[in-house]
C-alpha atoms as a PDB file:
ATOM      1  CA  MET A   1     -73.039 -26.642 -11.381  1.00  0.00           C
ATOM      2  CA  THR A   2     -70.498 -29.415 -11.709  1.00  0.00           C
ATOM      3  CA  VAL A   3     -67.566 -29.877  -9.372  1.00  0.00           C
ATOM      4  CA  LEU A   4     -64.066 -30.392 -10.748  1.00  0.00           C
ATOM      5  CA  VAL A   5     -62.241 -32.933  -8.588  1.00  0.00           C
ATOM      6  CA  ALA A   6     -58.492 -32.312  -8.523  1.00  0.00           C
ATOM      7  CA  ASP A   7     -56.157 -35.191  -7.693  1.00  0.00           C
ATOM      8  CA  GLY A   8     -59.119 -37.455  -6.933  1.00  0.00           C
ATOM      9  CA  GLU A   9     -56.925 -40.273  -5.684  1.00  0.00           C
ATOM     10  CA  ARG A  10     -55.725 -38.172  -2.736  1.00  0.00           C
ATOM     11  CA  PRO A  11     -57.720 -37.918   0.531  1.00  0.00           C
ATOM     12  CA  ARG A  12     -59.707 -34.757   1.224  1.00  0.00           C
ATOM     13  CA  GLU A  13     -58.532 -32.748   4.245  1.00  0.00           C
ATOM     14  CA  GLY A  14     -61.482 -32.126   6.559  1.00  0.00           C
ATOM     15  CA  GLY A  15     -63.606 -34.906   5.060  1.00  0.00           C
ATOM     16  CA  THR A  16     -66.921 -34.366   3.326  1.00  0.00           C
ATOM     17  CA  ASP A  17     -68.192 -31.468   5.485  1.00  0.00           C
ATOM     18  CA  ARG A  18     -65.601 -28.948   4.383  1.00  0.00           C
ATOM     19  CA  LYS A  19     -66.444 -25.267   4.229  1.00  0.00           C
ATOM     20  CA  THR A  20     -66.415 -23.662   0.783  1.00  0.00           C
ATOM     21  CA  VAL A  21     -63.591 -21.149   0.335  1.00  0.00           C
ATOM     22  CA  ASP A  22     -64.502 -18.263  -1.979  1.00  0.00           C
ATOM     23  CA  VAL A  23     -61.704 -17.014  -4.214  1.00  0.00           C
ATOM     24  CA  ALA A  24     -61.666 -14.015  -6.569  1.00  0.00           C
ATOM     25  CA  VAL A  25     -59.663 -14.716  -9.728  1.00  0.00           C
ATOM     26  CA  GLY A  26     -58.451 -12.107 -12.206  1.00  0.00           C
ATOM     27  CA  VAL A  27     -58.329 -13.075 -15.864  1.00  0.00           C
ATOM     28  CA  LEU A  28     -56.252 -10.182 -17.210  1.00  0.00           C
ATOM     29  CA  ILE A  29     -56.551  -9.907 -20.984  1.00  0.00           C
ATOM     30  CA  LYS A  30     -54.473  -7.682 -23.288  1.00  0.00           C
ATOM     31  CA  PRO A  31     -56.030  -6.123 -26.406  1.00  0.00           C
ATOM     32  CA  ASN A  32     -54.332  -8.806 -28.560  1.00  0.00           C
ATOM     33  CA  GLY A  33     -56.047 -11.550 -26.519  1.00  0.00           C
ATOM     34  CA  ASP A  34     -53.012 -12.686 -24.510  1.00  0.00           C
ATOM     35  CA  PHE A  35     -53.810 -13.485 -20.875  1.00  0.00           C
ATOM     36  CA  LEU A  36     -51.721 -13.427 -17.714  1.00  0.00           C
ATOM     37  CA  LEU A  37     -50.747 -16.547 -15.795  1.00  0.00           C
ATOM     38  CA  THR A  38     -48.669 -16.512 -12.611  1.00  0.00           C
ATOM     39  CA  SER A  39     -46.906 -19.340 -10.821  1.00  0.00           C
ATOM     40  CA  ARG A  40     -47.878 -20.403  -7.314  1.00  0.00           C
ATOM     41  CA  PRO A  41     -45.250 -19.163  -4.829  1.00  0.00           C
ATOM     42  CA  LEU A  42     -42.837 -21.435  -2.986  1.00  0.00           C
ATOM     43  CA  GLY A  43     -44.287 -22.872   0.201  1.00  0.00           C
ATOM     44  CA  LYS A  44     -47.919 -22.755  -0.987  1.00  0.00           C
ATOM     45  CA  VAL A  45     -50.005 -25.763  -1.946  1.00  0.00           C
ATOM     46  CA  TYR A  46     -49.353 -26.649  -5.613  1.00  0.00           C
ATOM     47  CA  GLU A  47     -46.216 -24.470  -5.614  1.00  0.00           C
ATOM     48  CA  GLY A  48     -44.880 -23.853  -9.107  1.00  0.00           C
ATOM     49  CA  TYR A  49     -48.200 -24.582 -10.817  1.00  0.00           C
ATOM     50  CA  TRP A  50     -49.509 -21.887 -13.169  1.00  0.00           C
ATOM     51  CA  GLU A  51     -52.807 -20.113 -12.483  1.00  0.00           C
ATOM     52  CA  PHE A  52     -54.690 -16.876 -12.915  1.00  0.00           C
ATOM     53  CA  PRO A  53     -53.869 -14.429 -10.077  1.00  0.00           C
ATOM     54  CA  GLY A  54     -56.238 -13.731  -7.209  1.00  0.00           C
ATOM     55  CA  GLY A  55     -57.012 -14.860  -3.711  1.00  0.00           C
ATOM     56  CA  LYS A  56     -59.468 -15.585  -0.935  1.00  0.00           C
ATOM     57  CA  LEU A  57     -62.294 -13.251  -0.017  1.00  0.00           C
ATOM     58  CA  GLU A  58     -62.002 -11.772   3.451  1.00  0.00           C
ATOM     59  CA  ALA A  59     -65.056 -11.435   5.709  1.00  0.00           C
ATOM     60  CA  GLY A  60     -67.529  -8.916   4.277  1.00  0.00           C
ATOM     61  CA  GLU A  61     -65.730  -8.487   0.932  1.00  0.00           C
ATOM     62  CA  THR A  62     -67.387  -8.767  -2.447  1.00  0.00           C
ATOM     63  CA  VAL A  63     -65.637 -10.655  -5.225  1.00  0.00           C
ATOM     64  CA  GLU A  64     -64.655  -7.355  -6.869  1.00  0.00           C
ATOM     65  CA  GLN A  65     -63.280  -5.875  -3.620  1.00  0.00           C
ATOM     66  CA  ALA A  66     -61.232  -9.016  -2.934  1.00  0.00           C
ATOM     67  CA  LEU A  67     -59.878  -9.071  -6.473  1.00  0.00           C
ATOM     68  CA  ARG A  68     -58.802  -5.412  -6.303  1.00  0.00           C
ATOM     69  CA  ARG A  69     -57.044  -6.018  -2.964  1.00  0.00           C
ATOM     70  CA  GLU A  70     -55.400  -9.279  -4.001  1.00  0.00           C
ATOM     71  CA  LEU A  71     -54.022  -7.952  -7.294  1.00  0.00           C
ATOM     72  CA  ILE A  72     -52.436  -4.976  -5.536  1.00  0.00           C
ATOM     73  CA  GLU A  73     -50.968  -7.254  -2.838  1.00  0.00           C
ATOM     74  CA  GLU A  74     -49.773 -10.026  -5.163  1.00  0.00           C
ATOM     75  CA  ILE A  75     -48.779  -8.389  -8.430  1.00  0.00           C
ATOM     76  CA  GLY A  76     -48.769  -4.637  -7.747  1.00  0.00           C
ATOM     77  CA  ILE A  77     -51.409  -3.463 -10.203  1.00  0.00           C
ATOM     78  CA  THR A  78     -54.626  -1.486  -9.817  1.00  0.00           C
ATOM     79  CA  ILE A  79     -57.453  -2.795 -11.967  1.00  0.00           C
ATOM     80  CA  GLY A  80     -60.164  -0.865 -13.768  1.00  0.00           C
ATOM     81  CA  SER A  81     -63.617  -2.300 -14.348  1.00  0.00           C
ATOM     82  CA  VAL A  82     -64.252  -5.921 -13.463  1.00  0.00           C
ATOM     83  CA  ARG A  83     -66.615  -8.217 -15.338  1.00  0.00           C
ATOM     84  CA  VAL A  84     -67.665 -11.272 -13.329  1.00  0.00           C
ATOM     85  CA  TRP A  85     -67.450 -14.052 -15.890  1.00  0.00           C
ATOM     86  CA  LYS A  86     -67.892 -17.599 -14.615  1.00  0.00           C
ATOM     87  CA  VAL A  87     -67.872 -19.582 -11.381  1.00  0.00           C
ATOM     88  CA  GLU A  88     -66.255 -22.993 -10.953  1.00  0.00           C
ATOM     89  CA  LEU A  89     -66.269 -25.320  -7.934  1.00  0.00           C
ATOM     90  CA  VAL A  90     -63.037 -27.239  -7.419  1.00  0.00           C
ATOM     91  CA  ASP A  91     -62.560 -30.005  -4.882  1.00  0.00           C
ATOM     92  CA  TYR A  92     -58.836 -29.908  -4.113  1.00  0.00           C
ATOM     93  CA  PRO A  93     -57.352 -32.301  -1.532  1.00  0.00           C
ATOM     94  CA  HIS A  94     -56.586 -29.323   0.747  1.00  0.00           C
ATOM     95  CA  ALA A  95     -59.782 -27.254   0.225  1.00  0.00           C
ATOM     96  CA  PHE A  96     -63.189 -27.026  -1.451  1.00  0.00           C
ATOM     97  CA  VAL A  97     -62.964 -23.823  -3.499  1.00  0.00           C
ATOM     98  CA  ARG A  98     -65.457 -21.616  -5.352  1.00  0.00           C
ATOM     99  CA  LEU A  99     -63.454 -19.804  -8.012  1.00  0.00           C
ATOM    100  CA  ASN A 100     -65.104 -16.544  -9.104  1.00  0.00           C
ATOM    101  CA  PHE A 101     -63.451 -15.741 -12.441  1.00  0.00           C
ATOM    102  CA  CYS A 102     -63.512 -12.088 -13.507  1.00  0.00           C
ATOM    103  CA  LYS A 103     -62.368 -10.690 -16.822  1.00  0.00           C
ATOM    104  CA  VAL A 104     -60.192  -7.590 -16.513  1.00  0.00           C
ATOM    105  CA  PHE A 105     -59.203  -5.547 -19.557  1.00  0.00           C
ATOM    106  CA  GLU A 106     -57.858  -2.387 -17.872  1.00  0.00           C
ATOM    107  CA  TRP A 107     -55.187  -1.936 -15.216  1.00  0.00           C
ATOM    108  CA  THR A 108     -52.468   0.484 -14.226  1.00  0.00           C
ATOM    109  CA  GLY A 109     -49.010  -0.112 -12.831  1.00  0.00           C
ATOM    110  CA  GLU A 110     -46.185  -2.432 -13.770  1.00  0.00           C
ATOM    111  CA  LEU A 111     -46.355  -6.091 -12.823  1.00  0.00           C
ATOM    112  CA  GLN A 112     -44.440  -6.768  -9.605  1.00  0.00           C
ATOM    113  CA  MET A 113     -44.312 -10.365  -8.438  1.00  0.00           C
ATOM    114  CA  ARG A 114     -44.511  -9.550  -4.717  1.00  0.00           C
ATOM    115  CA  GLU A 115     -44.613 -13.186  -3.561  1.00  0.00           C
ATOM    116  CA  GLY A 116     -41.600 -14.339  -5.577  1.00  0.00           C
ATOM    117  CA  GLN A 117     -43.773 -15.916  -8.245  1.00  0.00           C
ATOM    118  CA  SER A 118     -43.189 -15.824 -12.013  1.00  0.00           C
ATOM    119  CA  PHE A 119     -45.541 -14.489 -14.666  1.00  0.00           C
ATOM    120  CA  ALA A 120     -46.118 -15.200 -18.345  1.00  0.00           C
ATOM    121  CA  TRP A 121     -48.416 -13.669 -20.933  1.00  0.00           C
ATOM    122  CA  GLN A 122     -49.935 -16.587 -22.785  1.00  0.00           C
ATOM    123  CA  SER A 123     -52.167 -17.464 -25.705  1.00  0.00           C
ATOM    124  CA  LEU A 124     -53.618 -20.827 -26.680  1.00  0.00           C
ATOM    125  CA  PRO A 125     -52.064 -23.320 -26.440  1.00  0.00           C
ATOM    126  CA  VAL A 126     -50.333 -22.264 -23.216  1.00  0.00           C
ATOM    127  CA  ALA A 127     -46.618 -22.995 -23.083  1.00  0.00           C
ATOM    128  CA  VAL A 128     -46.162 -22.985 -19.291  1.00  0.00           C
ATOM    129  CA  GLU A 129     -46.605 -26.071 -17.162  1.00  0.00           C
ATOM    130  CA  PRO A 130     -47.857 -27.555 -14.976  1.00  0.00           C
ATOM    131  CA  VAL A 131     -51.211 -25.785 -15.005  1.00  0.00           C
ATOM    132  CA  LEU A 132     -53.321 -25.766 -11.831  1.00  0.00           C
ATOM    133  CA  PRO A 133     -56.443 -27.957 -12.265  1.00  0.00           C
ATOM    134  CA  GLY A 134     -58.768 -25.000 -11.555  1.00  0.00           C
ATOM    135  CA  THR A 135     -57.170 -23.093 -14.444  1.00  0.00           C
ATOM    136  CA  ILE A 136     -57.923 -25.707 -17.103  1.00  0.00           C
ATOM    137  CA  PRO A 137     -61.659 -24.884 -17.419  1.00  0.00           C
ATOM    138  CA  VAL A 138     -60.729 -21.261 -18.201  1.00  0.00           C
ATOM    139  CA  LEU A 139     -58.465 -22.392 -21.024  1.00  0.00           C
ATOM    140  CA  ASN A 140     -61.372 -24.436 -22.376  1.00  0.00           C
ATOM    141  CA  TRP A 141     -63.732 -21.432 -22.100  1.00  0.00           C
ATOM    142  CA  PHE A 142     -61.210 -19.313 -24.007  1.00  0.00           C
ATOM    143  CA  ALA A 143     -60.971 -22.017 -26.670  1.00  0.00           C
ATOM    144  CA  ALA A 144     -64.767 -22.082 -27.058  1.00  0.00           C
ATOM    145  CA  GLU A 145     -64.995 -18.266 -27.237  1.00  0.00           C
ATOM    146  CA  ARG A 146     -62.177 -18.027 -29.759  1.00  0.00           C
ATOM    147  CA  GLY A 147     -63.054 -21.011 -31.928  1.00  0.00           C
ATOM    148  CA  PHE A 148     -59.769 -22.681 -30.960  1.00  0.00           C
ATOM    149  CA  THR A 149     -60.031 -26.412 -31.642  1.00  0.00           C
ATOM    150  CA  ALA A 150     -56.502 -27.644 -30.861  1.00  0.00           C
ATOM    151  CA  PRO A 151     -55.394 -28.730 -27.352  1.00  0.00           C
ATOM    152  CA  THR A 152     -55.266 -25.781 -24.928  1.00  0.00           C
ATOM    153  CA  GLN A 153     -51.894 -26.864 -23.540  1.00  0.00           C
ATOM    154  CA  ARG A 154     -48.773 -27.750 -25.495  1.00  0.00           C
ATOM    155  CA  THR A 155     -47.756 -31.369 -25.354  1.00  0.00           C
ATOM    156  CA  VAL A 156     -44.186 -32.602 -25.471  1.00  0.00           C
END
């Protein structure tokens, strides 16, 4: 598995022996193929960047359990079945993260941005920016699945 290095020119907090942080990520997809992106809340690392919602696994949680908890806490929805999709390692300056991406096609409840973040339903190319580095591989996977050959993000 390759490691995506984000902001490679910046020093890594904790040096080379950093612990891997496991994160469950929900890739919510509507029947028409649109997918949900949310902005990182104020005060968090990479605030204002767009990403797929989710969060860190707590001790003893599975990826699915963490995703169910995080999506209720962050955006107020209860998800149906979860399909673990892909795993990506990202070396951010602040943390070494294992992103466990899960496709979700069913949920109940209305979106509530409980951390003051914004949300946007997107298709390719995405119109929101900036996009979190760990989100870019997902856009590329969508492009490959959908036969989309143009850039995955709009350019100005």
